[in-house]
Amino acid sequence: MKTKAFFDPRTYTLTYVVWDESSKDAVVIDPVLDYNAIAVRVTTESAEQVAQFIEGEGLNLKMVLETHAHADHLSGSQFLKEKFGAPVGIGANIKTVQGVFKDVFNLGDGFATDGSQFDKLIEDGETFKAGSIEVTGINTPGHTPACVTYKIADALYTGDTMFMPDFGTGRCDFPAGSASDLYDSIVNKLYSLPDDTKVFVGHDYQPGGRALAYETTIGESKASNIQLKGHTSREDFVKFRTDRDKTLQPPVLLFPSVQVNVNAGVLPNKESNGRRYLKLPIGLFD
């Protein structure tokens, strides 16, 4: 199994193409749709780079997988679905997230909170096929209640659950997030896997200005993750994560991202004047 990473420096996001060299079947994990918040403009250059690679390698895109409803970038899943006919999958607990943000954005009675906007809802521990690729979904709530880590062969794709050892873990202060749940997800689930299991992270914020890095191992994380080592106690981690999260500002693209991503990356419908609109809930954090 091979992995190709694409880095979006504007949102520090890693998108992965994972493929079987024999069959050429492939999946894409966490694609980006570019959004200029000042111009309020959506473009597809990041997703186009991924598409060009797929075409150039002669790959057969079988599925687009989201690790969660991202709060820092819009999903490019619909661009890839339309171009390649690949279904979009996400963890089944997206229904909980949809319920929370339906109220936040007042999305109306017509907005479904049953996950039906997505083509596949992945249950905890479910193993499924994307062409010849076998994927197992591991529920890893904490950053959000719907976070899923994907295991493909000897590698994990952790999204925002766990980052490179010198940066730590995902924040847990979004609605329905939980530092205690994140501790369980990492220590009881991910850290129980073999030490040589590869880990591909969802973001790299390049602390200290270091070069881009996105691949580590379970063993390296247990030994040196600066926020959650294998021996870190639940009490210490929950206190650290909770205290740190209180100092963080919301992601710049939080509101545009979440209201699009809970709808499977589909932009809002055009209104009577032919324009689409994104909502900004004033005073939500007051």
Foldseek 3Di string as FASTA:
>chain_A
DDKDWDADVVQQFIKIWDADPPVLEIEIEFFFWDADPVVRDTDRPRVVVVVVVSVVVVHQYQAYEYQALDQAGFGPRVVCCVVRVHFYEFAQCLLVVCVVVCVVQVVDPPDDSRLVLGPYHAYAQDWDDRDPWIKGWHQQAALHRGGTWIDTDLEIEREQLAFPLVPAGHAQPDVRHHQLSSLCSCQVPVLVDDFARKYFYGGDPCPPVHDDDGIDTSVCNLVRRPQHHNPDDSVSNRVVRVVVNVPDDRHPRRQVRNVCSSSVSDFADQDPVRDGDTDDRPPPVD
